[in-house]
Amino acid sequence: MSYKEAMRSGFSNYAKFSGRACRSEFWWFILFVSLVGVFLNLIDNAIGWGFILGGIWSLAILLPVLGLYFRRLHDTDRSAWWLLIGLIPFIGGIVLIVFWVGNGTPGDNKFGAPVS
């Protein structure tokens, strides 16, 4: 999936928590969200606003990112409940990154058909 397709898919599935998301869709969208967040925080710091623009961006992008997390875990044939492991300091985040980096299950799984 190309960068443009990943952006389109990420925003068109704004609050979709079912289905699957391929690795490229996930990582392109996370890169975009992170870069915009860094840019907005730099602007906040330059202006002296603290965390106004970055906070607004974080709230605006919360549902699309959560939906993407869910769909990426579904692609690896895991329930979205696995996100709760992220609450364990340090280890939980590493486990989630390993899940997100891994290949999706080939063919259909209990969450649907693969996304190309």
N, C-alpha and C. Protein backbone atom coordinates (compact mmCIF):
# COMPACT_ATOMS: atom_id res chain seq x y z
N MET A 1 0.85 -1.16 0.00
CA MET A 1 0.00 0.00 0.00
C MET A 1 0.90 1.24 0.00
N SER A 2 0.59 2.17 -0.85
CA SER A 2 1.39 3.39 -0.96
C SER A 2 1.03 4.37 0.16
N TYR A 3 1.86 5.40 0.28
CA TYR A 3 1.63 6.42 1.31
C TYR A 3 0.26 7.07 1.13
N LYS A 4 -0.05 7.44 -0.10
CA LYS A 4 -1.33 8.11 -0.38
C LYS A 4 -2.51 7.20 -0.06
N GLU A 5 -2.42 5.93 -0.44
CA GLU A 5 -3.49 4.98 -0.14
C GLU A 5 -3.65 4.77 1.37
N ALA A 6 -2.51 4.76 2.08
CA ALA A 6 -2.56 4.59 3.53
C ALA A 6 -3.26 5.77 4.20
N MET A 7 -2.97 6.98 3.73
CA MET A 7 -3.64 8.16 4.29
C MET A 7 -5.14 8.12 4.01
N ARG A 8 -5.48 7.77 2.78
CA ARG A 8 -6.90 7.68 2.41
C ARG A 8 -7.61 6.63 3.25
N SER A 9 -6.97 5.48 3.41
CA SER A 9 -7.58 4.40 4.18
C SER A 9 -7.68 4.76 5.66
N GLY A 10 -6.63 5.38 6.19
CA GLY A 10 -6.64 5.75 7.61
C GLY A 10 -7.74 6.73 7.95
N PHE A 11 -7.95 7.72 7.08
CA PHE A 11 -8.97 8.72 7.37
C PHE A 11 -10.36 8.29 6.92
N SER A 12 -10.46 7.43 5.92
CA SER A 12 -11.80 6.97 5.50
C SER A 12 -12.36 5.94 6.49
N ASN A 13 -11.48 5.24 7.18
CA ASN A 13 -11.90 4.29 8.22
C ASN A 13 -11.77 4.95 9.58
N TYR A 14 -12.24 6.18 9.68
CA TYR A 14 -12.01 7.04 10.84
C TYR A 14 -12.25 6.36 12.17
N ALA A 15 -13.36 5.74 12.33
CA ALA A 15 -13.68 5.08 13.60
C ALA A 15 -14.10 3.63 13.36
N LYS A 16 -13.42 2.98 12.44
CA LYS A 16 -13.72 1.59 12.14
C LYS A 16 -12.82 0.70 12.98
N PHE A 17 -13.42 -0.10 13.82
CA PHE A 17 -12.66 -0.93 14.74
C PHE A 17 -12.72 -2.41 14.36
N SER A 18 -13.28 -2.72 13.21
CA SER A 18 -13.32 -4.10 12.75
C SER A 18 -12.56 -4.19 11.43
N GLY A 19 -12.24 -5.40 11.05
CA GLY A 19 -11.50 -5.60 9.81
C GLY A 19 -10.01 -5.68 10.09
N ARG A 20 -9.23 -5.50 9.02
CA ARG A 20 -7.79 -5.67 9.11
C ARG A 20 -7.07 -4.50 8.46
N ALA A 21 -5.83 -4.25 8.92
CA ALA A 21 -4.98 -3.21 8.33
C ALA A 21 -3.60 -3.82 8.08
N CYS A 22 -3.12 -3.68 6.86
CA CYS A 22 -1.81 -4.25 6.53
C CYS A 22 -0.69 -3.42 7.17
N ARG A 23 0.51 -4.00 7.17
CA ARG A 23 1.65 -3.32 7.80
C ARG A 23 1.94 -1.97 7.19
N SER A 24 1.94 -1.90 5.86
CA SER A 24 2.28 -0.63 5.22
C SER A 24 1.26 0.45 5.56
N GLU A 25 -0.01 0.09 5.57
CA GLU A 25 -1.03 1.07 5.96
C GLU A 25 -0.77 1.56 7.36
N PHE A 26 -0.50 0.68 8.27
CA PHE A 26 -0.27 1.02 9.67
C PHE A 26 0.93 1.96 9.81
N TRP A 27 2.08 1.57 9.26
CA TRP A 27 3.30 2.33 9.49
C TRP A 27 3.32 3.66 8.74
N TRP A 28 2.75 3.73 7.54
CA TRP A 28 2.66 5.02 6.85
C TRP A 28 1.78 5.99 7.63
N PHE A 29 0.67 5.50 8.14
CA PHE A 29 -0.24 6.38 8.88
C PHE A 29 0.40 6.82 10.19
N ILE A 30 1.06 5.91 10.90
CA ILE A 30 1.73 6.26 12.15
C ILE A 30 2.84 7.27 11.89
N LEU A 31 3.59 7.13 10.80
CA LEU A 31 4.62 8.10 10.44
C LEU A 31 4.01 9.48 10.22
N PHE A 32 2.91 9.54 9.48
CA PHE A 32 2.24 10.81 9.22
C PHE A 32 1.77 11.46 10.52
N VAL A 33 1.09 10.70 11.35
CA VAL A 33 0.56 11.23 12.60
C VAL A 33 1.70 11.73 13.49
N SER A 34 2.78 10.98 13.56
CA SER A 34 3.91 11.36 14.40
C SER A 34 4.59 12.63 13.89
N LEU A 35 4.81 12.72 12.58
CA LEU A 35 5.46 13.90 12.02
C LEU A 35 4.62 15.16 12.21
N VAL A 36 3.32 15.05 12.00
CA VAL A 36 2.45 16.20 12.23
C VAL A 36 2.47 16.59 13.70
N GLY A 37 2.44 15.61 14.59
CA GLY A 37 2.49 15.88 16.02
C GLY A 37 3.78 16.59 16.43
N VAL A 38 4.91 16.14 15.91
CA VAL A 38 6.20 16.79 16.21
C VAL A 38 6.20 18.22 15.68
N PHE A 39 5.74 18.40 14.46
CA PHE A 39 5.69 19.73 13.85
C PHE A 39 4.82 20.69 14.68
N LEU A 40 3.65 20.23 15.09
CA LEU A 40 2.75 21.08 15.88
C LEU A 40 3.33 21.39 17.26
N ASN A 41 4.02 20.43 17.85
CA ASN A 41 4.65 20.69 19.14
C ASN A 41 5.79 21.69 19.00
N LEU A 42 6.53 21.64 17.89
CA LEU A 42 7.58 22.64 17.65
C LEU A 42 6.97 24.04 17.53
N ILE A 43 5.85 24.13 16.83
CA ILE A 43 5.17 25.42 16.70
C ILE A 43 4.69 25.89 18.08
N ASP A 44 4.10 24.98 18.86
CA ASP A 44 3.65 25.33 20.21
C ASP A 44 4.80 25.89 21.04
N ASN A 45 5.94 25.23 20.99
CA ASN A 45 7.08 25.68 21.77
C ASN A 45 7.63 27.00 21.27
N ALA A 46 7.64 27.20 19.95
CA ALA A 46 8.15 28.45 19.39
C ALA A 46 7.26 29.63 19.78
N ILE A 47 5.96 29.41 19.80
CA ILE A 47 5.01 30.47 20.14
C ILE A 47 4.90 30.64 21.65
N GLY A 48 5.19 29.58 22.37
CA GLY A 48 5.06 29.62 23.82
C GLY A 48 3.69 29.22 24.33
N TRP A 49 2.98 28.43 23.54
CA TRP A 49 1.62 28.02 23.91
C TRP A 49 1.59 26.77 24.78
N GLY A 50 2.69 26.13 24.96
CA GLY A 50 2.68 24.89 25.74
C GLY A 50 2.34 23.71 24.85
N PHE A 51 1.11 23.22 24.98
CA PHE A 51 0.72 22.00 24.26
C PHE A 51 -0.65 22.17 23.60
N ILE A 52 -0.98 23.37 23.17
CA ILE A 52 -2.32 23.64 22.61
C ILE A 52 -2.53 22.92 21.28
N LEU A 53 -1.72 23.23 20.27
CA LEU A 53 -1.92 22.64 18.94
C LEU A 53 -1.68 21.13 18.96
N GLY A 54 -0.63 20.71 19.67
CA GLY A 54 -0.35 19.28 19.78
C GLY A 54 -1.47 18.53 20.48
N GLY A 55 -2.04 19.15 21.50
CA GLY A 55 -3.15 18.53 22.22
C GLY A 55 -4.40 18.41 21.37
N ILE A 56 -4.68 19.45 20.61
CA ILE A 56 -5.85 19.40 19.70
C ILE A 56 -5.64 18.31 18.66
N TRP A 57 -4.42 18.23 18.11
CA TRP A 57 -4.11 17.19 17.10
C TRP A 57 -4.27 15.80 17.72
N SER A 58 -3.77 15.62 18.93
CA SER A 58 -3.86 14.32 19.59
C SER A 58 -5.31 13.90 19.80
N LEU A 59 -6.15 14.83 20.20
CA LEU A 59 -7.57 14.51 20.37
C LEU A 59 -8.25 14.22 19.04
N ALA A 60 -7.90 14.99 18.01
CA ALA A 60 -8.53 14.81 16.70
C ALA A 60 -8.16 13.47 16.07
N ILE A 61 -6.98 12.98 16.35
CA ILE A 61 -6.49 11.77 15.69
C ILE A 61 -6.65 10.52 16.56
N LEU A 62 -7.21 10.68 17.76
CA LEU A 62 -7.34 9.56 18.70
C LEU A 62 -8.14 8.39 18.13
N LEU A 63 -9.33 8.64 17.62
CA LEU A 63 -10.15 7.54 17.10
C LEU A 63 -9.54 6.87 15.87
N PRO A 64 -9.02 7.62 14.89
CA PRO A 64 -8.40 6.92 13.76
C PRO A 64 -7.21 6.05 14.17
N VAL A 65 -6.42 6.52 15.11
CA VAL A 65 -5.26 5.74 15.53
C VAL A 65 -5.69 4.51 16.32
N LEU A 66 -6.66 4.67 17.21
CA LEU A 66 -7.17 3.50 17.95
C LEU A 66 -7.76 2.46 16.99
N GLY A 67 -8.54 2.94 16.02
CA GLY A 67 -9.08 2.02 15.03
C GLY A 67 -7.99 1.30 14.26
N LEU A 68 -6.94 2.03 13.92
CA LEU A 68 -5.81 1.43 13.20
C LEU A 68 -5.09 0.41 14.08
N TYR A 69 -4.90 0.71 15.36
CA TYR A 69 -4.30 -0.26 16.28
C TYR A 69 -5.13 -1.54 16.32
N PHE A 70 -6.44 -1.39 16.44
CA PHE A 70 -7.34 -2.54 16.48
C PHE A 70 -7.20 -3.36 15.20
N ARG A 71 -7.30 -2.68 14.06
CA ARG A 71 -7.27 -3.40 12.77
C ARG A 71 -5.92 -4.07 12.52
N ARG A 72 -4.83 -3.45 12.98
CA ARG A 72 -3.52 -4.06 12.80
C ARG A 72 -3.39 -5.32 13.65
N LEU A 73 -3.89 -5.28 14.89
CA LEU A 73 -3.88 -6.48 15.71
C LEU A 73 -4.76 -7.57 15.10
N HIS A 74 -5.88 -7.16 14.53
CA HIS A 74 -6.75 -8.13 13.86
C HIS A 74 -6.02 -8.79 12.69
N ASP A 75 -5.19 -8.04 11.98
CA ASP A 75 -4.45 -8.59 10.85
C ASP A 75 -3.49 -9.68 11.31
N THR A 76 -2.99 -9.57 12.52
CA THR A 76 -2.10 -10.60 13.06
C THR A 76 -2.88 -11.67 13.81
N ASP A 77 -4.19 -11.68 13.64
CA ASP A 77 -5.11 -12.66 14.25
C ASP A 77 -5.11 -12.59 15.77
N ARG A 78 -5.04 -11.35 16.28
CA ARG A 78 -5.11 -11.13 17.72
C ARG A 78 -6.30 -10.21 18.02
N SER A 79 -6.87 -10.40 19.17
CA SER A 79 -7.97 -9.55 19.61
C SER A 79 -7.44 -8.17 19.96
N ALA A 80 -8.29 -7.16 19.85
CA ALA A 80 -7.91 -5.80 20.22
C ALA A 80 -7.68 -5.68 21.72
N TRP A 81 -8.10 -6.63 22.49
CA TRP A 81 -7.84 -6.62 23.92
C TRP A 81 -6.34 -6.65 24.22
N TRP A 82 -5.54 -7.09 23.25
CA TRP A 82 -4.09 -7.10 23.43
C TRP A 82 -3.53 -5.69 23.63
N LEU A 83 -4.28 -4.67 23.25
CA LEU A 83 -3.82 -3.29 23.49
C LEU A 83 -3.61 -3.02 24.97
N LEU A 84 -4.35 -3.71 25.81
CA LEU A 84 -4.23 -3.49 27.26
C LEU A 84 -2.86 -3.90 27.79
N ILE A 85 -2.14 -4.74 27.06
CA ILE A 85 -0.81 -5.11 27.50
C ILE A 85 0.12 -3.89 27.48
N GLY A 86 -0.25 -2.88 26.71
CA GLY A 86 0.52 -1.65 26.67
C GLY A 86 0.51 -0.90 27.99
N LEU A 87 -0.38 -1.26 28.88
CA LEU A 87 -0.43 -0.63 30.21
C LEU A 87 0.71 -1.10 31.11
N ILE A 88 1.35 -2.22 30.75
CA ILE A 88 2.50 -2.69 31.51
C ILE A 88 3.70 -1.86 31.07
N PRO A 89 4.32 -1.15 32.00
CA PRO A 89 5.43 -0.27 31.62
C PRO A 89 6.54 -1.01 30.89
N PHE A 90 7.04 -0.39 29.85
CA PHE A 90 8.16 -0.83 29.03
C PHE A 90 7.88 -2.13 28.27
N ILE A 91 7.63 -3.22 28.98
CA ILE A 91 7.44 -4.53 28.35
C ILE A 91 6.21 -4.54 27.45
N GLY A 92 5.13 -3.94 27.91
CA GLY A 92 3.89 -3.93 27.13
C GLY A 92 4.05 -3.24 25.80
N GLY A 93 4.74 -2.11 25.78
CA GLY A 93 4.99 -1.39 24.53
C GLY A 93 5.83 -2.20 23.57
N ILE A 94 6.83 -2.89 24.09
CA ILE A 94 7.69 -3.72 23.24
C ILE A 94 6.88 -4.85 22.63
N VAL A 95 6.03 -5.49 23.42
CA VAL A 95 5.20 -6.59 22.92
C VAL A 95 4.28 -6.08 21.81
N LEU A 96 3.67 -4.93 21.99
CA LEU A 96 2.79 -4.38 20.96
C LEU A 96 3.57 -4.06 19.68
N ILE A 97 4.73 -3.49 19.80
CA ILE A 97 5.54 -3.19 18.61
C ILE A 97 5.89 -4.48 17.87
N VAL A 98 6.23 -5.53 18.61
CA VAL A 98 6.53 -6.82 17.97
C VAL A 98 5.31 -7.33 17.21
N PHE A 99 4.12 -7.21 17.81
CA PHE A 99 2.90 -7.63 17.13
C PHE A 99 2.67 -6.81 15.87
N TRP A 100 2.85 -5.49 15.96
CA TRP A 100 2.58 -4.61 14.82
C TRP A 100 3.59 -4.77 13.70
N VAL A 101 4.82 -5.15 14.04
CA VAL A 101 5.86 -5.32 13.03
C VAL A 101 5.69 -6.65 12.29
N GLY A 102 5.12 -7.63 12.96
CA GLY A 102 5.00 -8.96 12.37
C GLY A 102 4.08 -9.00 11.16
N ASN A 103 4.23 -10.06 10.39
CA ASN A 103 3.37 -10.28 9.22
C ASN A 103 1.94 -10.55 9.67
N GLY A 104 1.00 -10.15 8.82
CA GLY A 104 -0.39 -10.50 9.04
C GLY A 104 -0.60 -11.96 8.65
N THR A 105 -1.69 -12.53 9.09
CA THR A 105 -1.96 -13.91 8.73
C THR A 105 -2.33 -13.97 7.25
N PRO A 106 -1.76 -14.92 6.52
CA PRO A 106 -2.11 -15.04 5.11
C PRO A 106 -3.55 -15.57 4.96
N GLY A 107 -4.22 -15.07 3.98
CA GLY A 107 -5.59 -15.50 3.76
C GLY A 107 -6.55 -14.95 4.81
N ASP A 108 -7.75 -15.48 4.80
CA ASP A 108 -8.77 -15.02 5.74
C ASP A 108 -8.45 -15.49 7.15
N ASN A 109 -8.84 -14.69 8.13
CA ASN A 109 -8.82 -15.12 9.52
C ASN A 109 -10.16 -14.75 10.13
N LYS A 110 -10.31 -14.87 11.43
CA LYS A 110 -11.61 -14.63 12.05
C LYS A 110 -12.04 -13.18 11.98
N PHE A 111 -11.13 -12.26 11.56
CA PHE A 111 -11.46 -10.84 11.46
C PHE A 111 -11.72 -10.39 10.03
N GLY A 112 -11.63 -11.30 9.08
CA GLY A 112 -11.96 -10.95 7.70
C GLY A 112 -10.85 -11.28 6.72
N ALA A 113 -11.04 -10.79 5.52
CA ALA A 113 -10.08 -11.02 4.44
C ALA A 113 -8.90 -10.04 4.57
N PRO A 114 -7.73 -10.44 4.08
CA PRO A 114 -6.57 -9.55 4.16
C PRO A 114 -6.75 -8.30 3.28
N VAL A 115 -6.10 -7.23 3.71
CA VAL A 115 -6.11 -5.98 2.95
C VAL A 115 -4.81 -5.92 2.18
N SER A 116 -4.88 -5.58 0.92
CA SER A 116 -3.64 -5.53 0.14
C SER A 116 -3.09 -4.13 0.04
